[in-house]
């Protein structure tokens, strides 16, 4: 009898595991990332972390390294678009149109990091005017090329993406972009960097310096998180909590 019960338990346990492994993902994510340049180590760390999170929290994630595949039909497969350290220029024309429709019509959510605010005329490409407005009307101005440690302060502690994130946390190494103007009048700021905490100190400052925000003028749930240069970010519980929350909030799950 004991052997029969044990066999039954083993079979049921195996069926349960099989079901867990084959059940449909809660949502699908597409991540556009750079696979070269000095952000490649961040991209590698992000992929490893995202794959682990997707397996643990039952969502699927695919990756692309350029915009060649992006059109309306392609984006229709995904409930969330993550722009990992990929700039808003050199996109294929059909990708530009599809992405704008995706955000304007709220077909899915969006999380952008770091290079997503590299707005201006770069490598012979003009400013993407729609994306310029999406990011609060800012233009890239300068950055701390030698990097600086700094403290980030949460401003909207009640926003869902800030659940479990410390009221302030330290970013060990970042470039800290500055822009031609403050995006605050055009976006809802969730966090800002305290420039007085820069280590080493730098003259490259904005004054008011938002680093996490969402633009509520668009149908799609969207969040921009500036910090996204160094792989060391993934050793920060506050950063990974923010990133995780952003995924589930933007995907509306």
Protein backbone atom coordinates (compact mmCIF):
# COMPACT_ATOMS: atom_id res chain seq x y z
CA UNK A 1 0.00 0.00 0.00
CA UNK A 2 2.83 2.37 0.89
CA UNK A 3 4.40 1.75 -2.51
CA UNK A 4 1.13 2.53 -4.28
CA UNK A 5 0.67 5.77 -2.35
CA UNK A 6 4.27 6.76 -3.07
CA UNK A 7 3.83 5.99 -6.76
CA UNK A 8 0.60 8.01 -6.86
CA UNK A 9 2.29 10.94 -5.13
CA UNK A 10 5.21 10.80 -7.58
CA UNK A 11 2.87 10.77 -10.60
CA UNK A 12 0.79 13.66 -9.28
CA UNK A 13 3.91 15.65 -8.40
CA UNK A 14 5.27 15.05 -11.90
CA UNK A 15 2.00 16.16 -13.50
CA UNK A 16 2.00 19.29 -11.33
CA UNK A 17 5.54 20.13 -12.38
CA UNK A 18 4.73 19.53 -16.03
CA UNK A 19 1.70 21.83 -15.77
CA UNK A 20 3.79 24.53 -14.09
CA UNK A 21 6.35 24.32 -16.86
CA UNK A 22 3.86 24.41 -19.74
CA UNK A 23 1.24 26.88 -18.54
CA UNK A 24 0.90 30.01 -20.64
CA UNK A 25 2.98 33.03 -19.60
CA UNK A 26 1.15 35.88 -17.87
CA UNK A 27 2.35 38.33 -20.53
CA UNK A 28 4.99 38.72 -23.22
CA UNK A 29 7.85 41.20 -23.25
CA UNK A 30 10.10 42.40 -26.06
CA UNK A 31 13.41 43.98 -25.06
CA UNK A 32 15.45 46.10 -27.48
CA UNK A 33 19.05 46.33 -26.39
CA UNK A 34 22.52 47.31 -27.55
CA UNK A 35 25.03 44.53 -27.99
CA UNK A 36 28.12 46.67 -28.41
CA UNK A 37 29.82 49.80 -27.17
CA UNK A 38 30.45 50.63 -23.54
CA UNK A 39 26.92 49.65 -22.42
CA UNK A 40 27.31 46.02 -23.42
CA UNK A 41 28.11 44.84 -19.88
CA UNK A 42 24.90 46.41 -18.57
CA UNK A 43 22.95 44.71 -21.36
CA UNK A 44 24.49 41.32 -20.50
CA UNK A 45 23.64 41.71 -16.81
CA UNK A 46 20.14 42.90 -17.65
CA UNK A 47 19.48 39.90 -19.87
CA UNK A 48 20.64 37.46 -17.19
CA UNK A 49 18.51 39.16 -14.54
CA UNK A 50 15.45 39.47 -16.79
CA UNK A 51 15.61 35.81 -17.83
CA UNK A 52 15.72 34.75 -14.18
CA UNK A 53 12.82 37.04 -13.27
CA UNK A 54 10.74 35.85 -16.22
CA UNK A 55 11.22 32.20 -15.19
CA UNK A 56 10.37 32.95 -11.56
CA UNK A 57 7.35 35.15 -12.25
CA UNK A 58 5.94 33.38 -15.32
CA UNK A 59 6.25 35.86 -18.15
CA UNK A 60 8.10 35.42 -21.43
CA UNK A 61 10.77 37.70 -22.85
CA UNK A 62 12.33 37.98 -26.30
CA UNK A 63 15.27 40.15 -27.33
CA UNK A 64 16.18 42.13 -30.42
CA UNK A 65 19.33 44.16 -31.11
CA UNK A 66 17.95 46.46 -33.80
CA UNK A 67 14.58 47.71 -35.02
CA UNK A 68 14.44 45.72 -38.29
CA UNK A 69 11.60 43.42 -37.15
CA UNK A 70 9.45 46.08 -35.54
CA UNK A 71 6.11 46.82 -37.16
CA UNK A 72 2.48 46.78 -36.01
CA UNK A 73 2.13 43.01 -36.41
CA UNK A 74 5.35 42.34 -34.51
CA UNK A 75 4.43 44.58 -31.57
CA UNK A 76 0.94 43.06 -31.39
CA UNK A 77 2.59 39.97 -29.88
CA UNK A 78 3.82 41.86 -26.81
CA UNK A 79 2.23 43.55 -23.81
CA UNK A 80 5.44 45.34 -22.78
CA UNK A 81 8.29 46.99 -24.66
CA UNK A 82 11.56 47.45 -22.74
CA UNK A 83 14.09 49.82 -24.31
CA UNK A 84 17.37 48.77 -22.73
CA UNK A 85 20.12 51.30 -23.40
CA UNK A 86 18.97 51.82 -26.98
CA UNK A 87 18.88 55.36 -28.37
CA UNK A 88 15.91 57.07 -30.08
CA UNK A 89 17.58 57.35 -33.47
CA UNK A 90 18.58 55.07 -36.37
CA UNK A 91 15.23 53.27 -36.13
CA UNK A 92 13.70 51.90 -39.33
CA UNK A 93 10.80 54.06 -40.58
CA UNK A 94 8.23 51.28 -40.14
CA UNK A 95 9.48 50.76 -36.56
CA UNK A 96 9.05 54.45 -35.75
CA UNK A 97 5.45 54.43 -36.99
CA UNK A 98 4.59 51.17 -35.22
CA UNK A 99 6.15 52.27 -31.93
CA UNK A 100 4.34 55.61 -31.95
CA UNK A 101 1.03 53.79 -32.58
CA UNK A 102 1.82 51.30 -29.81
CA UNK A 103 2.30 54.09 -27.26
CA UNK A 104 -0.32 56.55 -28.54
CA UNK A 105 -3.03 53.89 -28.65
CA UNK A 106 -2.01 52.14 -25.43
CA UNK A 107 -1.45 48.78 -27.09
CA UNK A 108 1.19 47.90 -24.49
CA UNK A 109 3.43 49.38 -21.84
CA UNK A 110 6.95 50.81 -22.12
CA UNK A 111 10.02 51.03 -19.88
CA UNK A 112 12.99 53.00 -21.14
CA UNK A 113 16.49 53.17 -19.69
CA UNK A 114 19.47 55.47 -19.92
CA UNK A 115 20.17 55.88 -23.66
CA UNK A 116 16.46 56.42 -24.36
CA UNK A 117 16.99 60.12 -23.57
CA UNK A 118 19.97 60.50 -25.90
CA UNK A 119 17.90 63.01 -27.85
CA UNK A 120 19.38 65.32 -30.43
CA UNK A 121 21.15 65.04 -33.77
CA UNK A 122 23.53 62.08 -33.51
CA UNK A 123 25.49 60.15 -36.16
CA UNK A 124 23.81 62.13 -38.93
CA UNK A 125 20.26 61.35 -37.76
CA UNK A 126 17.73 64.11 -37.01
CA UNK A 127 15.87 64.51 -33.73
CA UNK A 128 12.89 62.15 -33.45
CA UNK A 129 10.35 64.84 -32.68
CA UNK A 130 7.64 62.51 -31.38
CA UNK A 131 10.08 60.84 -28.97
CA UNK A 132 11.33 64.29 -27.95
CA UNK A 133 7.79 65.09 -26.76
CA UNK A 134 7.35 61.66 -25.21
CA UNK A 135 10.39 62.29 -23.00
CA UNK A 136 9.13 65.68 -21.85
CA UNK A 137 10.61 67.94 -24.54
CA UNK A 138 14.23 67.51 -23.46
CA UNK A 139 17.44 67.43 -25.47
CA UNK A 140 20.66 65.75 -24.32
CA UNK A 141 23.22 68.35 -23.26
CA UNK A 142 26.10 66.77 -21.34
CA UNK A 143 27.11 63.90 -19.07
CA UNK A 144 29.66 62.98 -16.42
CA UNK A 145 32.03 60.90 -18.56
CA UNK A 146 34.21 60.02 -15.56
CA UNK A 147 31.16 58.74 -13.62
CA UNK A 148 29.92 59.66 -10.15
CA UNK A 149 28.31 57.98 -7.18
CA UNK A 150 25.13 59.74 -5.99
CA UNK A 151 21.95 59.49 -3.94
CA UNK A 152 18.58 59.13 -5.63
CA UNK A 153 15.54 60.44 -3.74
CA UNK A 154 12.06 59.04 -4.32
CA UNK A 155 9.50 61.82 -4.78
CA UNK A 156 6.29 59.87 -5.30
CA UNK A 157 6.47 57.14 -2.68
CA UNK A 158 2.85 56.11 -3.34
CA UNK A 159 3.35 55.24 -6.99
CA UNK A 160 3.16 51.45 -7.57
CA UNK A 161 6.66 51.27 -9.08
CA UNK A 162 8.12 52.56 -5.81
CA UNK A 163 6.58 49.88 -3.57
CA UNK A 164 9.36 48.43 -1.42
CA UNK A 165 11.97 50.89 -2.73
CA UNK A 166 13.87 52.83 -0.05
CA UNK A 167 13.00 56.56 0.24
CA UNK A 168 16.54 57.21 -0.97
CA UNK A 169 19.24 54.89 -2.27
CA UNK A 170 22.78 55.09 -3.54
CA UNK A 171 23.77 54.52 -7.16
CA UNK A 172 27.41 53.52 -7.12
CA UNK A 173 28.41 54.46 -10.65
CA UNK A 174 26.56 56.48 -13.26
CA UNK A 175 27.10 59.00 -16.07
CA UNK A 176 24.25 61.34 -14.99
CA UNK A 177 23.04 63.00 -18.17
CA UNK A 178 22.03 66.64 -18.17
CA UNK A 179 19.45 68.11 -20.54
CA UNK A 180 18.80 71.49 -22.12
CA UNK A 181 15.83 71.95 -19.78
CA UNK A 182 14.08 70.35 -16.85
CA UNK A 183 11.45 67.79 -17.99
CA UNK A 184 9.43 68.28 -14.78
CA UNK A 185 6.80 70.65 -16.23
CA UNK A 186 5.90 68.05 -18.86
CA UNK A 187 6.12 64.75 -16.95
CA UNK A 188 5.27 63.26 -13.57
CA UNK A 189 8.55 62.92 -11.71
CA UNK A 190 8.94 59.85 -9.48
CA UNK A 191 12.56 60.29 -8.41
CA UNK A 192 15.48 62.71 -8.75
CA UNK A 193 19.19 62.64 -8.09
CA UNK A 194 20.68 64.84 -5.38
CA UNK A 195 23.55 66.49 -7.23
CA UNK A 196 25.10 67.67 -3.95
CA UNK A 197 25.96 64.01 -3.21
CA UNK A 198 28.07 63.46 -6.32
CA UNK A 199 31.30 61.58 -5.50
CA UNK A 200 33.57 62.87 -6.90
CA UNK A 201 31.95 66.27 -7.24
CA UNK A 202 31.24 67.56 -10.74
CA UNK A 203 30.41 70.89 -12.36
CA UNK A 204 28.07 69.09 -14.77
CA UNK A 205 24.76 69.71 -13.03
CA UNK A 206 21.15 70.67 -13.78
CA UNK A 207 19.87 71.89 -10.42
CA UNK A 208 16.53 70.10 -10.37
CA UNK A 209 17.48 66.75 -11.87
CA UNK A 210 14.70 64.16 -12.39
CA UNK A 211 15.90 60.62 -13.16
CA UNK A 212 12.68 58.56 -13.04
CA UNK A 213 9.43 59.78 -14.54
CA UNK A 214 6.26 58.87 -16.41
CA UNK A 215 4.41 60.85 -19.07
CA UNK A 216 0.71 60.66 -18.27
CA UNK A 217 -0.29 62.36 -21.54
CA UNK A 218 0.05 59.05 -23.39
CA UNK A 219 -2.34 56.08 -23.27
CA UNK A 220 0.39 53.51 -22.74
CA UNK A 221 1.72 53.07 -19.23
CA UNK A 222 5.27 54.29 -19.49
CA UNK A 223 8.24 54.89 -17.23
CA UNK A 224 11.71 56.20 -17.92
CA UNK A 225 14.53 55.14 -15.57
CA UNK A 226 17.75 56.99 -16.26
CA UNK A 227 20.06 54.65 -14.34
CA UNK A 228 21.25 51.99 -16.77
CA UNK A 229 24.95 52.20 -17.46
CA UNK A 230 26.78 49.85 -15.11
CA UNK A 231 26.04 46.17 -14.41
CA UNK A 232 26.70 46.91 -10.72
CA UNK A 233 23.14 48.27 -10.61
CA UNK A 234 21.83 44.70 -10.41
CA UNK A 235 23.49 44.25 -7.03
CA UNK A 236 21.18 46.97 -5.65
CA UNK A 237 17.95 45.63 -4.15
CA UNK A 238 16.33 49.05 -4.60
CA UNK A 239 17.17 49.10 -8.30
CA UNK A 240 15.95 45.56 -8.96
CA UNK A 241 12.78 46.23 -6.95
CA UNK A 242 12.13 49.36 -8.99
CA UNK A 243 12.78 47.47 -12.23
CA UNK A 244 10.52 44.57 -11.19
CA UNK A 245 7.71 46.86 -10.12
CA UNK A 246 8.00 48.80 -13.37
CA UNK A 247 7.61 45.61 -15.41
CA UNK A 248 4.40 44.52 -13.74
CA UNK A 249 2.96 48.03 -13.56
CA UNK A 250 3.66 48.86 -17.22
CA UNK A 251 2.34 45.46 -18.32
CA UNK A 252 -0.74 46.11 -16.15
CA UNK A 253 -0.31 42.85 -14.23
